[in-house]
C-alpha atoms as a PDB file:
ATOM      1  CA  UNK A   1       3.108   1.153  28.639  1.00  0.00           C
ATOM      2  CA  UNK A   2       3.475  -2.394  27.292  1.00  0.00           C
ATOM      3  CA  UNK A   3       3.660  -4.751  30.252  1.00  0.00           C
ATOM      4  CA  UNK A   4       4.506  -7.900  28.290  1.00  0.00           C
ATOM      5  CA  UNK A   5       7.899  -9.550  28.764  1.00  0.00           C
ATOM      6  CA  UNK A   6      10.669  -7.906  26.686  1.00  0.00           C
ATOM      7  CA  UNK A   7      11.018 -10.992  24.443  1.00  0.00           C
ATOM      8  CA  UNK A   8       7.268 -10.895  23.552  1.00  0.00           C
ATOM      9  CA  UNK A   9       7.442  -7.175  22.655  1.00  0.00           C
ATOM     10  CA  UNK A  10      10.589  -7.808  20.627  1.00  0.00           C
ATOM     11  CA  UNK A  11       8.933 -10.152  18.125  1.00  0.00           C
ATOM     12  CA  UNK A  12       5.586  -8.494  17.490  1.00  0.00           C
ATOM     13  CA  UNK A  13       4.709  -7.262  13.992  1.00  0.00           C
ATOM     14  CA  UNK A  14       3.404  -3.677  13.651  1.00  0.00           C
ATOM     15  CA  UNK A  15       2.564  -1.391  10.779  1.00  0.00           C
ATOM     16  CA  UNK A  16       1.769   2.243  10.001  1.00  0.00           C
ATOM     17  CA  UNK A  17       0.266   3.932   6.974  1.00  0.00           C
ATOM     18  CA  UNK A  18       0.533   7.561   5.934  1.00  0.00           C
ATOM     19  CA  UNK A  19      -0.959   9.931   3.416  1.00  0.00           C
ATOM     20  CA  UNK A  20      -0.413  13.669   3.121  1.00  0.00           C
ATOM     21  CA  UNK A  21      -0.680  16.452   0.592  1.00  0.00           C
ATOM     22  CA  UNK A  22       0.982  19.860   0.409  1.00  0.00           C
ATOM     23  CA  UNK A  23       1.043  22.963  -1.708  1.00  0.00           C
ATOM     24  CA  UNK A  24       4.524  24.412  -2.176  1.00  0.00           C
ATOM     25  CA  UNK A  25       5.141  27.951  -3.222  1.00  0.00           C
ATOM     26  CA  UNK A  26       8.068  28.166  -5.649  1.00  0.00           C
ATOM     27  CA  UNK A  27      10.915  30.506  -4.805  1.00  0.00           C
ATOM     28  CA  UNK A  28      12.566  32.560  -7.532  1.00  0.00           C
ATOM     29  CA  UNK A  29      16.189  31.603  -8.164  1.00  0.00           C
ATOM     30  CA  UNK A  30      19.091  33.870  -9.078  1.00  0.00           C
ATOM     31  CA  UNK A  31      18.748  35.896 -12.241  1.00  0.00           C
ATOM     32  CA  UNK A  32      22.268  36.301 -13.514  1.00  0.00           C
ATOM     33  CA  UNK A  33      23.011  37.873 -16.918  1.00  0.00           C
ATOM     34  CA  UNK A  34      23.752  35.333 -19.635  1.00  0.00           C
ATOM     35  CA  UNK A  35      22.302  32.379 -17.632  1.00  0.00           C
ATOM     36  CA  UNK A  36      19.458  30.467 -19.114  1.00  0.00           C
ATOM     37  CA  UNK A  37      16.384  30.152 -16.889  1.00  0.00           C
ATOM     38  CA  UNK A  38      12.859  28.643 -16.972  1.00  0.00           C
ATOM     39  CA  UNK A  39       9.581  30.085 -15.766  1.00  0.00           C
ATOM     40  CA  UNK A  40       8.407  28.398 -12.563  1.00  0.00           C
ATOM     41  CA  UNK A  41       4.799  27.554 -11.726  1.00  0.00           C
ATOM     42  CA  UNK A  42       3.660  29.696  -8.757  1.00  0.00           C
ATOM     43  CA  UNK A  43       2.189  26.743  -6.816  1.00  0.00           C
ATOM     44  CA  UNK A  44       3.370  23.153  -6.829  1.00  0.00           C
ATOM     45  CA  UNK A  45       1.342  20.322  -5.244  1.00  0.00           C
ATOM     46  CA  UNK A  46       2.590  17.139  -3.592  1.00  0.00           C
ATOM     47  CA  UNK A  47       0.762  13.965  -2.723  1.00  0.00           C
ATOM     48  CA  UNK A  48       2.582  11.346  -0.607  1.00  0.00           C
ATOM     49  CA  UNK A  49       1.536   7.919   0.614  1.00  0.00           C
ATOM     50  CA  UNK A  50       3.428   5.161   2.232  1.00  0.00           C
ATOM     51  CA  UNK A  51       3.655   2.461   4.893  1.00  0.00           C
ATOM     52  CA  UNK A  52       6.078   0.882   7.375  1.00  0.00           C
ATOM     53  CA  UNK A  53       6.235  -2.668   8.645  1.00  0.00           C
ATOM     54  CA  UNK A  54       8.186  -3.427  11.821  1.00  0.00           C
ATOM     55  CA  UNK A  55       9.132  -6.772  13.370  1.00  0.00           C
ATOM     56  CA  UNK A  56      11.550  -6.906  16.231  1.00  0.00           C
ATOM     57  CA  UNK A  57      14.537  -4.706  15.410  1.00  0.00           C
ATOM     58  CA  UNK A  58      13.758  -4.641  11.649  1.00  0.00           C
ATOM     59  CA  UNK A  59      11.747  -2.061   9.782  1.00  0.00           C
ATOM     60  CA  UNK A  60      10.663  -1.881   6.091  1.00  0.00           C
ATOM     61  CA  UNK A  61       9.370   1.453   4.851  1.00  0.00           C
ATOM     62  CA  UNK A  62       8.043   2.587   1.441  1.00  0.00           C
ATOM     63  CA  UNK A  63       6.826   5.964   0.356  1.00  0.00           C
ATOM     64  CA  UNK A  64       5.518   7.195  -3.005  1.00  0.00           C
ATOM     65  CA  UNK A  65       5.367  10.865  -3.979  1.00  0.00           C
ATOM     66  CA  UNK A  66       3.695  12.528  -6.979  1.00  0.00           C
ATOM     67  CA  UNK A  67       4.312  16.190  -7.658  1.00  0.00           C
ATOM     68  CA  UNK A  68       2.682  18.535 -10.133  1.00  0.00           C
ATOM     69  CA  UNK A  69       4.793  20.385 -12.732  1.00  0.00           C
ATOM     70  CA  UNK A  70       7.306  22.874 -11.258  1.00  0.00           C
ATOM     71  CA  UNK A  71       8.148  24.625 -14.533  1.00  0.00           C
ATOM     72  CA  UNK A  72       5.930  25.957 -17.333  1.00  0.00           C
ATOM     73  CA  UNK A  73       7.867  23.969 -19.968  1.00  0.00           C
ATOM     74  CA  UNK A  74       7.870  20.699 -18.004  1.00  0.00           C
ATOM     75  CA  UNK A  75       6.141  17.891 -19.931  1.00  0.00           C
ATOM     76  CA  UNK A  76       4.832  15.807 -17.024  1.00  0.00           C
ATOM     77  CA  UNK A  77       4.505  15.642 -13.271  1.00  0.00           C
ATOM     78  CA  UNK A  78       7.197  13.943 -11.212  1.00  0.00           C
ATOM     79  CA  UNK A  79       6.583  10.515  -9.615  1.00  0.00           C
ATOM     80  CA  UNK A  80       9.098   8.767  -7.402  1.00  0.00           C
ATOM     81  CA  UNK A  81       9.253   6.293  -4.542  1.00  0.00           C
ATOM     82  CA  UNK A  82      11.707   5.188  -1.890  1.00  0.00           C
ATOM     83  CA  UNK A  83      12.213   1.872  -0.195  1.00  0.00           C
ATOM     84  CA  UNK A  84      14.219   1.602   3.101  1.00  0.00           C
ATOM     85  CA  UNK A  85      15.186  -1.334   5.207  1.00  0.00           C
ATOM     86  CA  UNK A  86      16.599  -0.638   8.625  1.00  0.00           C
ATOM     87  CA  UNK A  87      17.840  -2.554  11.637  1.00  0.00           C
ATOM     88  CA  UNK A  88      18.006  -1.125  15.138  1.00  0.00           C
ATOM     89  CA  UNK A  89      20.956  -2.143  17.244  1.00  0.00           C
END
């Protein structure tokens, strides 16, 4: 438990980092007659990294994800990131 006065806890700067990986097993979609479809890869891998910075009631978070190809005809892996700013009230 943090025993500092509430105003001292309120203004401190903190941070967190994360990294994770996962293997996803693709599920087969619906196979309806006359509907075009693509062949899925049986296993898809994810790699995620990110961080958060917190100061008082404010938080800044960023995460970056890279994913291997999900379909046999896909030309490249997917890369995307997300940035979030939040305020606690």
